[in-house]
PDB file of N, CA and C in Angstrom:
ATOM      1  N   MET A   1     135.581 -45.288  45.561  1.00  0.00           N
ATOM      2  CA  MET A   1     135.141 -43.904  45.440  1.00  0.00           C
ATOM      3  C   MET A   1     136.114 -43.003  46.183  1.00  0.00           C
ATOM      4  N   PHE A   2     136.380 -41.868  45.628  1.00  0.00           N
ATOM      5  CA  PHE A   2     137.291 -40.882  46.206  1.00  0.00           C
ATOM      6  C   PHE A   2     136.644 -40.224  47.422  1.00  0.00           C
ATOM      7  N   GLU A   3     137.315 -40.275  48.550  1.00  0.00           N
ATOM      8  CA  GLU A   3     136.841 -39.640  49.781  1.00  0.00           C
ATOM      9  C   GLU A   3     137.796 -38.497  50.104  1.00  0.00           C
ATOM     10  N   PRO A   4     137.502 -37.270  49.639  1.00  0.00           N
ATOM     11  CA  PRO A   4     138.480 -36.190  49.717  1.00  0.00           C
ATOM     12  C   PRO A   4     139.044 -35.914  51.105  1.00  0.00           C
ATOM     13  N   ILE A   5     138.213 -35.810  52.126  1.00  0.00           N
ATOM     14  CA  ILE A   5     138.721 -35.444  53.448  1.00  0.00           C
ATOM     15  C   ILE A   5     139.590 -36.563  54.010  1.00  0.00           C
ATOM     16  N   LYS A   6     139.070 -37.769  54.045  1.00  0.00           N
ATOM     17  CA  LYS A   6     139.806 -38.894  54.601  1.00  0.00           C
ATOM     18  C   LYS A   6     141.065 -39.170  53.793  1.00  0.00           C
ATOM     19  N   THR A   7     140.930 -39.235  52.488  1.00  0.00           N
ATOM     20  CA  THR A   7     142.062 -39.548  51.634  1.00  0.00           C
ATOM     21  C   THR A   7     143.132 -38.483  51.750  1.00  0.00           C
ATOM     22  N   SER A   8     142.743 -37.217  51.727  1.00  0.00           N
ATOM     23  CA  SER A   8     143.751 -36.173  51.761  1.00  0.00           C
ATOM     24  C   SER A   8     144.513 -36.170  53.082  1.00  0.00           C
ATOM     25  N   THR A   9     143.868 -36.509  54.165  1.00  0.00           N
ATOM     26  CA  THR A   9     144.557 -36.535  55.454  1.00  0.00           C
ATOM     27  C   THR A   9     145.644 -37.603  55.471  1.00  0.00           C
ATOM     28  N   TYR A  10     145.321 -38.813  55.062  1.00  0.00           N
ATOM     29  CA  TYR A  10     146.325 -39.876  55.002  1.00  0.00           C
ATOM     30  C   TYR A  10     147.435 -39.498  54.025  1.00  0.00           C
ATOM     31  N   PHE A  11     147.047 -38.983  52.871  1.00  0.00           N
ATOM     32  CA  PHE A  11     147.982 -38.597  51.821  1.00  0.00           C
ATOM     33  C   PHE A  11     148.915 -37.496  52.320  1.00  0.00           C
ATOM     34  N   LEU A  12     148.363 -36.473  52.962  1.00  0.00           N
ATOM     35  CA  LEU A  12     149.186 -35.376  53.467  1.00  0.00           C
ATOM     36  C   LEU A  12     150.170 -35.845  54.529  1.00  0.00           C
ATOM     37  N   VAL A  13     149.725 -36.691  55.432  1.00  0.00           N
ATOM     38  CA  VAL A  13     150.622 -37.214  56.471  1.00  0.00           C
ATOM     39  C   VAL A  13     151.764 -37.992  55.820  1.00  0.00           C
ATOM     40  N   MET A  14     151.433 -38.818  54.843  1.00  0.00           N
ATOM     41  CA  MET A  14     152.472 -39.605  54.180  1.00  0.00           C
ATOM     42  C   MET A  14     153.427 -38.709  53.384  1.00  0.00           C
ATOM     43  N   LEU A  15     152.900 -37.639  52.767  1.00  0.00           N
ATOM     44  CA  LEU A  15     153.771 -36.706  52.045  1.00  0.00           C
ATOM     45  C   LEU A  15     154.766 -36.038  52.994  1.00  0.00           C
ATOM     46  N   VAL A  16     154.309 -35.657  54.169  1.00  0.00           N
ATOM     47  CA  VAL A  16     155.212 -35.047  55.156  1.00  0.00           C
ATOM     48  C   VAL A  16     156.284 -36.047  55.573  1.00  0.00           C
ATOM     49  N   LEU A  17     155.873 -37.286  55.821  1.00  0.00           N
ATOM     50  CA  LEU A  17     156.832 -38.297  56.278  1.00  0.00           C
ATOM     51  C   LEU A  17     157.802 -38.724  55.183  1.00  0.00           C
ATOM     52  N   ARG A  18     157.465 -38.437  53.934  1.00  0.00           N
ATOM     53  CA  ARG A  18     158.387 -38.723  52.831  1.00  0.00           C
ATOM     54  C   ARG A  18     159.700 -37.954  53.030  1.00  0.00           C
ATOM     55  N   ASP A  19     159.632 -36.800  53.678  1.00  0.00           N
ATOM     56  CA  ASP A  19     160.813 -35.971  53.908  1.00  0.00           C
ATOM     57  C   ASP A  19     161.643 -36.424  55.104  1.00  0.00           C
ATOM     58  N   GLY A  20     161.172 -37.429  55.831  1.00  0.00           N
ATOM     59  CA  GLY A  20     161.915 -37.957  56.964  1.00  0.00           C
ATOM     60  C   GLY A  20     161.043 -38.108  58.186  1.00  0.00           C
ATOM     61  N   PRO A  21     161.571 -38.772  59.213  1.00  0.00           N
ATOM     62  CA  PRO A  21     160.806 -39.029  60.437  1.00  0.00           C
ATOM     63  C   PRO A  21     160.373 -37.735  61.128  1.00  0.00           C
ATOM     64  N   ARG A  22     159.181 -37.780  61.704  1.00  0.00           N
ATOM     65  CA  ARG A  22     158.628 -36.626  62.417  1.00  0.00           C
ATOM     66  C   ARG A  22     157.776 -37.110  63.578  1.00  0.00           C
ATOM     67  N   HIS A  23     157.665 -36.271  64.605  1.00  0.00           N
ATOM     68  CA  HIS A  23     156.694 -36.562  65.657  1.00  0.00           C
ATOM     69  C   HIS A  23     155.414 -35.797  65.341  1.00  0.00           C
ATOM     70  N   GLY A  24     154.358 -36.091  66.073  1.00  0.00           N
ATOM     71  CA  GLY A  24     153.034 -35.591  65.762  1.00  0.00           C
ATOM     72  C   GLY A  24     152.955 -34.090  65.570  1.00  0.00           C
ATOM     73  N   TYR A  25     153.531 -33.328  66.486  1.00  0.00           N
ATOM     74  CA  TYR A  25     153.475 -31.869  66.367  1.00  0.00           C
ATOM     75  C   TYR A  25     154.137 -31.412  65.077  1.00  0.00           C
ATOM     76  N   GLU A  26     155.280 -31.995  64.740  1.00  0.00           N
ATOM     77  CA  GLU A  26     155.991 -31.619  63.512  1.00  0.00           C
ATOM     78  C   GLU A  26     155.163 -31.942  62.265  1.00  0.00           C
ATOM     79  N   ILE A  27     154.460 -33.065  62.298  1.00  0.00           N
ATOM     80  CA  ILE A  27     153.619 -33.452  61.162  1.00  0.00           C
ATOM     81  C   ILE A  27     152.501 -32.427  60.988  1.00  0.00           C
ATOM     82  N   ALA A  28     151.798 -32.117  62.067  1.00  0.00           N
ATOM     83  CA  ALA A  28     150.692 -31.161  62.003  1.00  0.00           C
ATOM     84  C   ALA A  28     151.183 -29.788  61.558  1.00  0.00           C
ATOM     85  N   ALA A  29     152.293 -29.344  62.113  1.00  0.00           N
ATOM     86  CA  ALA A  29     152.835 -28.029  61.758  1.00  0.00           C
ATOM     87  C   ALA A  29     153.266 -27.994  60.293  1.00  0.00           C
ATOM     88  N   SER A  30     153.879 -29.061  59.828  1.00  0.00           N
ATOM     89  CA  SER A  30     154.328 -29.113  58.440  1.00  0.00           C
ATOM     90  C   SER A  30     153.151 -29.070  57.469  1.00  0.00           C
ATOM     91  N   ILE A  31     152.082 -29.788  57.785  1.00  0.00           N
ATOM     92  CA  ILE A  31     150.893 -29.767  56.934  1.00  0.00           C
ATOM     93  C   ILE A  31     150.344 -28.342  56.836  1.00  0.00           C
ATOM     94  N   LYS A  32     150.248 -27.681  57.957  1.00  0.00           N
ATOM     95  CA  LYS A  32     149.719 -26.318  57.968  1.00  0.00           C
ATOM     96  C   LYS A  32     150.658 -25.348  57.255  1.00  0.00           C
ATOM     97  N   ASP A  33     151.948 -25.438  57.553  1.00  0.00           N
ATOM     98  CA  ASP A  33     152.926 -24.523  56.958  1.00  0.00           C
ATOM     99  C   ASP A  33     153.058 -24.715  55.452  1.00  0.00           C
ATOM    100  N   ARG A  34     153.203 -25.956  55.029  1.00  0.00           N
ATOM    101  CA  ARG A  34     153.431 -26.229  53.610  1.00  0.00           C
ATOM    102  C   ARG A  34     152.208 -25.935  52.752  1.00  0.00           C
ATOM    103  N   SER A  35     151.027 -25.963  53.335  1.00  0.00           N
ATOM    104  CA  SER A  35     149.812 -25.639  52.585  1.00  0.00           C
ATOM    105  C   SER A  35     149.407 -24.177  52.793  1.00  0.00           C
ATOM    106  N   GLN A  36     150.263 -23.408  53.457  1.00  0.00           N
ATOM    107  CA  GLN A  36     150.006 -22.005  53.768  1.00  0.00           C
ATOM    108  C   GLN A  36     148.673 -21.835  54.495  1.00  0.00           C
ATOM    109  N   GLY A  37     148.399 -22.797  55.390  1.00  0.00           N
ATOM    110  CA  GLY A  37     147.211 -22.735  56.228  1.00  0.00           C
ATOM    111  C   GLY A  37     145.957 -23.312  55.591  1.00  0.00           C
ATOM    112  N   TYR A  38     146.024 -23.745  54.329  1.00  0.00           N
ATOM    113  CA  TYR A  38     144.841 -24.299  53.669  1.00  0.00           C
ATOM    114  C   TYR A  38     144.393 -25.590  54.342  1.00  0.00           C
ATOM    115  N   PHE A  39     145.362 -26.426  54.687  1.00  0.00           N
ATOM    116  CA  PHE A  39     145.073 -27.662  55.405  1.00  0.00           C
ATOM    117  C   PHE A  39     145.585 -27.530  56.830  1.00  0.00           C
ATOM    118  N   SER A  40     144.821 -28.049  57.761  1.00  0.00           N
ATOM    119  CA  SER A  40     145.309 -28.182  59.137  1.00  0.00           C
ATOM    120  C   SER A  40     144.664 -29.434  59.708  1.00  0.00           C
ATOM    121  N   ILE A  41     145.321 -29.992  60.685  1.00  0.00           N
ATOM    122  CA  ILE A  41     144.817 -31.220  61.294  1.00  0.00           C
ATOM    123  C   ILE A  41     144.990 -31.110  62.800  1.00  0.00           C
ATOM    124  N   SER A  42     143.941 -31.406  63.512  1.00  0.00           N
ATOM    125  CA  SER A  42     144.009 -31.379  64.969  1.00  0.00           C
ATOM    126  C   SER A  42     144.703 -32.657  65.453  1.00  0.00           C
ATOM    127  N   PHE A  43     145.230 -32.602  66.653  1.00  0.00           N
ATOM    128  CA  PHE A  43     145.871 -33.793  67.208  1.00  0.00           C
ATOM    129  C   PHE A  43     144.847 -34.899  67.424  1.00  0.00           C
ATOM    130  N   GLY A  44     143.609 -34.517  67.712  1.00  0.00           N
ATOM    131  CA  GLY A  44     142.548 -35.501  67.878  1.00  0.00           C
ATOM    132  C   GLY A  44     142.253 -36.264  66.597  1.00  0.00           C
ATOM    133  N   SER A  45     142.547 -35.656  65.463  1.00  0.00           N
ATOM    134  CA  SER A  45     142.382 -36.322  64.166  1.00  0.00           C
ATOM    135  C   SER A  45     143.676 -36.962  63.688  1.00  0.00           C
ATOM    136  N   LEU A  46     144.799 -36.340  64.016  1.00  0.00           N
ATOM    137  CA  LEU A  46     146.094 -36.824  63.524  1.00  0.00           C
ATOM    138  C   LEU A  46     146.453 -38.197  64.080  1.00  0.00           C
ATOM    139  N   TYR A  47     146.315 -38.388  65.377  1.00  0.00           N
ATOM    140  CA  TYR A  47     146.792 -39.644  65.968  1.00  0.00           C
ATOM    141  C   TYR A  47     146.007 -40.871  65.512  1.00  0.00           C
ATOM    142  N   PRO A  48     144.690 -40.786  65.319  1.00  0.00           N
ATOM    143  CA  PRO A  48     144.012 -41.948  64.728  1.00  0.00           C
ATOM    144  C   PRO A  48     144.516 -42.261  63.312  1.00  0.00           C
ATOM    145  N   VAL A  49     144.846 -41.224  62.546  1.00  0.00           N
ATOM    146  CA  VAL A  49     145.403 -41.441  61.204  1.00  0.00           C
ATOM    147  C   VAL A  49     146.753 -42.138  61.316  1.00  0.00           C
ATOM    148  N   LEU A  50     147.609 -41.654  62.201  1.00  0.00           N
ATOM    149  CA  LEU A  50     148.928 -42.277  62.385  1.00  0.00           C
ATOM    150  C   LEU A  50     148.796 -43.725  62.851  1.00  0.00           C
ATOM    151  N   HIS A  51     147.881 -43.968  63.767  1.00  0.00           N
ATOM    152  CA  HIS A  51     147.696 -45.339  64.266  1.00  0.00           C
ATOM    153  C   HIS A  51     147.189 -46.263  63.168  1.00  0.00           C
ATOM    154  N   LYS A  52     146.307 -45.759  62.307  1.00  0.00           N
ATOM    155  CA  LYS A  52     145.802 -46.562  61.188  1.00  0.00           C
ATOM    156  C   LYS A  52     146.933 -46.844  60.194  1.00  0.00           C
ATOM    157  N   LEU A  53     147.720 -45.836  59.883  1.00  0.00           N
ATOM    158  CA  LEU A  53     148.851 -46.031  58.974  1.00  0.00           C
ATOM    159  C   LEU A  53     149.851 -47.026  59.559  1.00  0.00           C
ATOM    160  N   GLU A  54     150.045 -46.966  60.874  1.00  0.00           N
ATOM    161  CA  GLU A  54     150.944 -47.902  61.553  1.00  0.00           C
ATOM    162  C   GLU A  54     150.367 -49.315  61.505  1.00  0.00           C
ATOM    163  N   LYS A  55     149.078 -49.442  61.756  1.00  0.00           N
ATOM    164  CA  LYS A  55     148.413 -50.752  61.718  1.00  0.00           C
ATOM    165  C   LYS A  55     148.522 -51.374  60.331  1.00  0.00           C
ATOM    166  N   ASP A  56     148.450 -50.536  59.297  1.00  0.00           N
ATOM    167  CA  ASP A  56     148.535 -51.001  57.914  1.00  0.00           C
ATOM    168  C   ASP A  56     149.983 -51.178  57.437  1.00  0.00           C
ATOM    169  N   SER A  57     150.931 -51.005  58.342  1.00  0.00           N
ATOM    170  CA  SER A  57     152.372 -51.140  58.056  1.00  0.00           C
ATOM    171  C   SER A  57     152.879 -50.137  57.026  1.00  0.00           C
ATOM    172  N   LEU A  58     152.235 -48.971  56.956  1.00  0.00           N
ATOM    173  CA  LEU A  58     152.680 -47.916  56.044  1.00  0.00           C
ATOM    174  C   LEU A  58     153.630 -46.948  56.737  1.00  0.00           C
ATOM    175  N   VAL A  59     153.511 -46.861  58.060  1.00  0.00           N
ATOM    176  CA  VAL A  59     154.465 -46.103  58.871  1.00  0.00           C
ATOM    177  C   VAL A  59     154.859 -46.961  60.064  1.00  0.00           C
ATOM    178  N   GLU A  60     155.998 -46.613  60.632  1.00  0.00           N
ATOM    179  CA  GLU A  60     156.404 -47.258  61.884  1.00  0.00           C
ATOM    180  C   GLU A  60     156.792 -46.164  62.859  1.00  0.00           C
ATOM    181  N   ALA A  61     156.677 -46.477  64.126  1.00  0.00           N
ATOM    182  CA  ALA A  61     156.942 -45.489  65.170  1.00  0.00           C
ATOM    183  C   ALA A  61     158.011 -46.013  66.120  1.00  0.00           C
ATOM    184  N   GLN A  62     158.800 -45.077  66.618  1.00  0.00           N
ATOM    185  CA  GLN A  62     159.800 -45.388  67.636  1.00  0.00           C
ATOM    186  C   GLN A  62     159.794 -44.268  68.662  1.00  0.00           C
ATOM    187  N   TRP A  63     160.060 -44.645  69.898  1.00  0.00           N
ATOM    188  CA  TRP A  63     160.191 -43.644  70.944  1.00  0.00           C
ATOM    189  C   TRP A  63     161.612 -43.099  70.912  1.00  0.00           C
ATOM    190  N   GLN A  64     161.718 -41.762  71.014  1.00  0.00           N
ATOM    191  CA  GLN A  64     163.019 -41.095  71.055  1.00  0.00           C
ATOM    192  C   GLN A  64     163.088 -40.219  72.291  1.00  0.00           C
ATOM    193  N   GLU A  65     164.282 -40.129  72.843  1.00  0.00           N
ATOM    194  CA  GLU A  65     164.488 -39.219  73.965  1.00  0.00           C
ATOM    195  C   GLU A  65     164.300 -37.789  73.474  1.00  0.00           C
ATOM    196  N   ALA A  66     163.580 -37.002  74.263  1.00  0.00           N
ATOM    197  CA  ALA A  66     163.278 -35.627  73.856  1.00  0.00           C
ATOM    198  C   ALA A  66     163.732 -34.621  74.903  1.00  0.00           C
ATOM    199  N   GLY A  67     164.534 -35.034  75.823  1.00  0.00           N
ATOM    200  CA  GLY A  67     164.980 -34.125  76.872  1.00  0.00           C
ATOM    201  C   GLY A  67     165.232 -34.891  78.148  1.00  0.00           C
ATOM    202  N   ASP A  68     165.271 -34.175  79.239  1.00  0.00           N
ATOM    203  CA  ASP A  68     165.592 -34.774  80.531  1.00  0.00           C
ATOM    204  C   ASP A  68     164.573 -35.813  80.973  1.00  0.00           C
ATOM    205  N   VAL A  69     163.298 -35.521  80.784  1.00  0.00           N
ATOM    206  CA  VAL A  69     162.259 -36.363  81.350  1.00  0.00           C
ATOM    207  C   VAL A  69     161.393 -37.033  80.282  1.00  0.00           C
ATOM    208  N   LYS A  70     161.196 -36.371  79.166  1.00  0.00           N
ATOM    209  CA  LYS A  70     160.214 -36.817  78.183  1.00  0.00           C
ATOM    210  C   LYS A  70     160.823 -37.651  77.066  1.00  0.00           C
ATOM    211  N   SER A  71     159.969 -38.436  76.462  1.00  0.00           N
ATOM    212  CA  SER A  71     160.246 -39.117  75.212  1.00  0.00           C
ATOM    213  C   SER A  71     159.143 -38.742  74.250  1.00  0.00           C
ATOM    214  N   LYS A  72     159.436 -38.832  72.965  1.00  0.00           N
ATOM    215  CA  LYS A  72     158.402 -38.553  71.982  1.00  0.00           C
ATOM    216  C   LYS A  72     158.374 -39.677  70.962  1.00  0.00           C
ATOM    217  N   LYS A  73     157.192 -39.923  70.446  1.00  0.00           N
ATOM    218  CA  LYS A  73     157.015 -40.966  69.450  1.00  0.00           C
ATOM    219  C   LYS A  73     157.241 -40.348  68.081  1.00  0.00           C
ATOM    220  N   VAL A  74     158.159 -40.931  67.324  1.00  0.00           N
ATOM    221  CA  VAL A  74     158.522 -40.420  66.012  1.00  0.00           C
ATOM    222  C   VAL A  74     158.078 -41.437  64.962  1.00  0.00           C
ATOM    223  N   TYR A  75     157.439 -40.928  63.915  1.00  0.00           N
ATOM    224  CA  TYR A  75     156.885 -41.777  62.862  1.00  0.00           C
ATOM    225  C   TYR A  75     157.704 -41.629  61.588  1.00  0.00           C
ATOM    226  N   LYS A  76     157.828 -42.736  60.847  1.00  0.00           N
ATOM    227  CA  LYS A  76     158.490 -42.676  59.548  1.00  0.00           C
ATOM    228  C   LYS A  76     157.818 -43.653  58.600  1.00  0.00           C
ATOM    229  N   LEU A  77     157.942 -43.356  57.310  1.00  0.00           N
ATOM    230  CA  LEU A  77     157.385 -44.245  56.296  1.00  0.00           C
ATOM    231  C   LEU A  77     158.158 -45.552  56.264  1.00  0.00           C
ATOM    232  N   THR A  78     157.455 -46.627  56.059  1.00  0.00           N
ATOM    233  CA  THR A  78     158.095 -47.919  55.817  1.00  0.00           C
ATOM    234  C   THR A  78     158.332 -48.041  54.308  1.00  0.00           C
ATOM    235  N   ASP A  79     159.015 -49.092  53.892  1.00  0.00           N
ATOM    236  CA  ASP A  79     159.178 -49.337  52.455  1.00  0.00           C
ATOM    237  C   ASP A  79     157.814 -49.517  51.799  1.00  0.00           C
ATOM    238  N   LYS A  80     156.927 -50.236  52.471  1.00  0.00           N
ATOM    239  CA  LYS A  80     155.565 -50.424  51.958  1.00  0.00           C
ATOM    240  C   LYS A  80     154.864 -49.078  51.834  1.00  0.00           C
ATOM    241  N   GLY A  81     155.042 -48.210  52.825  1.00  0.00           N
ATOM    242  CA  GLY A  81     154.438 -46.881  52.793  1.00  0.00           C
ATOM    243  C   GLY A  81     154.975 -46.037  51.648  1.00  0.00           C
ATOM    244  N   SER A  82     156.272 -46.140  51.388  1.00  0.00           N
ATOM    245  CA  SER A  82     156.877 -45.399  50.270  1.00  0.00           C
ATOM    246  C   SER A  82     156.301 -45.866  48.941  1.00  0.00           C
ATOM    247  N   ARG A  83     156.139 -47.177  48.797  1.00  0.00           N
ATOM    248  CA  ARG A  83     155.552 -47.707  47.559  1.00  0.00           C
ATOM    249  C   ARG A  83     154.103 -47.248  47.406  1.00  0.00           C
ATOM    250  N   GLN A  84     153.357 -47.273  48.508  1.00  0.00           N
ATOM    251  CA  GLN A  84     151.963 -46.826  48.482  1.00  0.00           C
ATOM    252  C   GLN A  84     151.882 -45.351  48.116  1.00  0.00           C
ATOM    253  N   LEU A  85     152.750 -44.548  48.699  1.00  0.00           N
ATOM    254  CA  LEU A  85     152.748 -43.114  48.413  1.00  0.00           C
ATOM    255  C   LEU A  85     153.080 -42.858  46.950  1.00  0.00           C
ATOM    256  N   THR A  86     154.031 -43.575  46.399  1.00  0.00           N
ATOM    257  CA  THR A  86     154.378 -43.426  44.981  1.00  0.00           C
ATOM    258  C   THR A  86     153.166 -43.721  44.104  1.00  0.00           C
ATOM    259  N   ALA A  87     152.452 -44.786  44.415  1.00  0.00           N
ATOM    260  CA  ALA A  87     151.248 -45.141  43.646  1.00  0.00           C
ATOM    261  C   ALA A  87     150.181 -44.053  43.779  1.00  0.00           C
ATOM    262  N   GLU A  88     150.008 -43.528  44.987  1.00  0.00           N
ATOM    263  CA  GLU A  88     149.002 -42.489  45.196  1.00  0.00           C
ATOM    264  C   GLU A  88     149.391 -41.190  44.500  1.00  0.00           C
ATOM    265  N   LEU A  89     150.683 -40.880  44.473  1.00  0.00           N
ATOM    266  CA  LEU A  89     151.147 -39.684  43.761  1.00  0.00           C
ATOM    267  C   LEU A  89     150.864 -39.803  42.267  1.00  0.00           C
ATOM    268  N   GLU A  90     151.051 -40.988  41.712  1.00  0.00           N
ATOM    269  CA  GLU A  90     150.744 -41.211  40.294  1.00  0.00           C
ATOM    270  C   GLU A  90     149.260 -40.974  40.032  1.00  0.00           C
ATOM    271  N   GLN A  91     148.396 -41.485  40.903  1.00  0.00           N
ATOM    272  CA  GLN A  91     146.951 -41.278  40.748  1.00  0.00           C
ATOM    273  C   GLN A  91     146.592 -39.805  40.903  1.00  0.00           C
ATOM    274  N   PHE A  92     147.209 -39.145  41.877  1.00  0.00           N
ATOM    275  CA  PHE A  92     146.925 -37.738  42.118  1.00  0.00           C
ATOM    276  C   PHE A  92     147.346 -36.896  40.916  1.00  0.00           C
ATOM    277  N   ASN A  93     148.522 -37.171  40.365  1.00  0.00           N
ATOM    278  CA  ASN A  93     148.995 -36.427  39.194  1.00  0.00           C
ATOM    279  C   ASN A  93     148.103 -36.672  37.985  1.00  0.00           C
ATOM    280  N   ALA A  94     147.600 -37.886  37.825  1.00  0.00           N
ATOM    281  CA  ALA A  94     146.666 -38.176  36.737  1.00  0.00           C
ATOM    282  C   ALA A  94     145.378 -37.389  36.930  1.00  0.00           C
ATOM    283  N   MET A  95     144.911 -37.275  38.169  1.00  0.00           N
ATOM    284  CA  MET A  95     143.699 -36.514  38.456  1.00  0.00           C
ATOM    285  C   MET A  95     143.916 -35.032  38.152  1.00  0.00           C
ATOM    286  N   ILE A  96     145.084 -34.499  38.513  1.00  0.00           N
ATOM    287  CA  ILE A  96     145.387 -33.097  38.223  1.00  0.00           C
ATOM    288  C   ILE A  96     145.350 -32.861  36.715  1.00  0.00           C
ATOM    289  N   THR A  97     145.951 -33.758  35.950  1.00  0.00           N
ATOM    290  CA  THR A  97     145.946 -33.640  34.499  1.00  0.00           C
ATOM    291  C   THR A  97     144.517 -33.644  33.972  1.00  0.00           C
ATOM    292  N   ALA A  98     143.677 -34.514  34.494  1.00  0.00           N
ATOM    293  CA  ALA A  98     142.281 -34.570  34.064  1.00  0.00           C
ATOM    294  C   ALA A  98     141.541 -33.274  34.407  1.00  0.00           C
ATOM    295  N   PHE A  99     141.759 -32.741  35.595  1.00  0.00           N
ATOM    296  CA  PHE A  99     141.105 -31.489  35.976  1.00  0.00           C
ATOM    297  C   PHE A  99     141.555 -30.329  35.091  1.00  0.00           C
ATOM    298  N   LYS A 100     142.803 -30.326  34.682  1.00  0.00           N
ATOM    299  CA  LYS A 100     143.297 -29.246  33.824  1.00  0.00           C
ATOM    300  C   LYS A 100     142.502 -29.173  32.525  1.00  0.00           C
ATOM    301  N   GLY A 101     141.956 -30.308  32.082  1.00  0.00           N
ATOM    302  CA  GLY A 101     141.108 -30.301  30.901  1.00  0.00           C
ATOM    303  C   GLY A 101     139.823 -29.503  31.104  1.00  0.00           C
ATOM    304  N   PHE A 102     139.416 -29.378  32.349  1.00  0.00           N
ATOM    305  CA  PHE A 102     138.202 -28.626  32.667  1.00  0.00           C
ATOM    306  C   PHE A 102     138.490 -27.176  33.050  1.00  0.00           C
ATOM    307  N   ILE A 103     139.570 -26.958  33.777  1.00  0.00           N
ATOM    308  CA  ILE A 103     139.813 -25.607  34.294  1.00  0.00           C
ATOM    309  C   ILE A 103     140.866 -24.834  33.516  1.00  0.00           C
ATOM    310  N   GLY A 104     141.596 -25.494  32.656  1.00  0.00           N
ATOM    311  CA  GLY A 104     142.614 -24.834  31.855  1.00  0.00           C
ATOM    312  C   GLY A 104     143.956 -24.786  32.552  1.00  0.00           C
ATOM    313  N   GLU A 105     144.984 -24.723  31.762  1.00  0.00           N
ATOM    314  CA  GLU A 105     146.359 -24.726  32.273  1.00  0.00           C
ATOM    315  C   GLU A 105     146.671 -23.503  33.113  1.00  0.00           C
ATOM    316  N   GLY A 106     146.158 -22.332  32.724  1.00  0.00           N
ATOM    317  CA  GLY A 106     146.542 -21.085  33.381  1.00  0.00           C
ATOM    318  C   GLY A 106     145.889 -20.816  34.714  1.00  0.00           C
ATOM    319  N   VAL A 107     144.996 -21.698  35.142  1.00  0.00           N
ATOM    320  CA  VAL A 107     144.278 -21.458  36.397  1.00  0.00           C
ATOM    321  C   VAL A 107     145.044 -22.019  37.547  1.00  0.00           C
TER     322      VAL A 107
END
């Protein structure tokens, strides 16, 4: 069964990471910016999603130097994650096509 909130969060994170490695703040900002504020994700919600994606081997994380004192964890899609995202994009595009039958092309 389609779970819009949960599914869209994982899907959106993976779509952002398709463009290259990002740390948590960049992922959250990109989701908000690219959706023109329609979607946003709190850090309290983002990190459990990232950890689940990492556990499922869809993303991997590495620590990177971020300045004099700090390091930041940067996430990127794995090959498995890229394949999963491609499959999900195909399903999403099929769903869009089906919805167009109800709402019309011009909407």
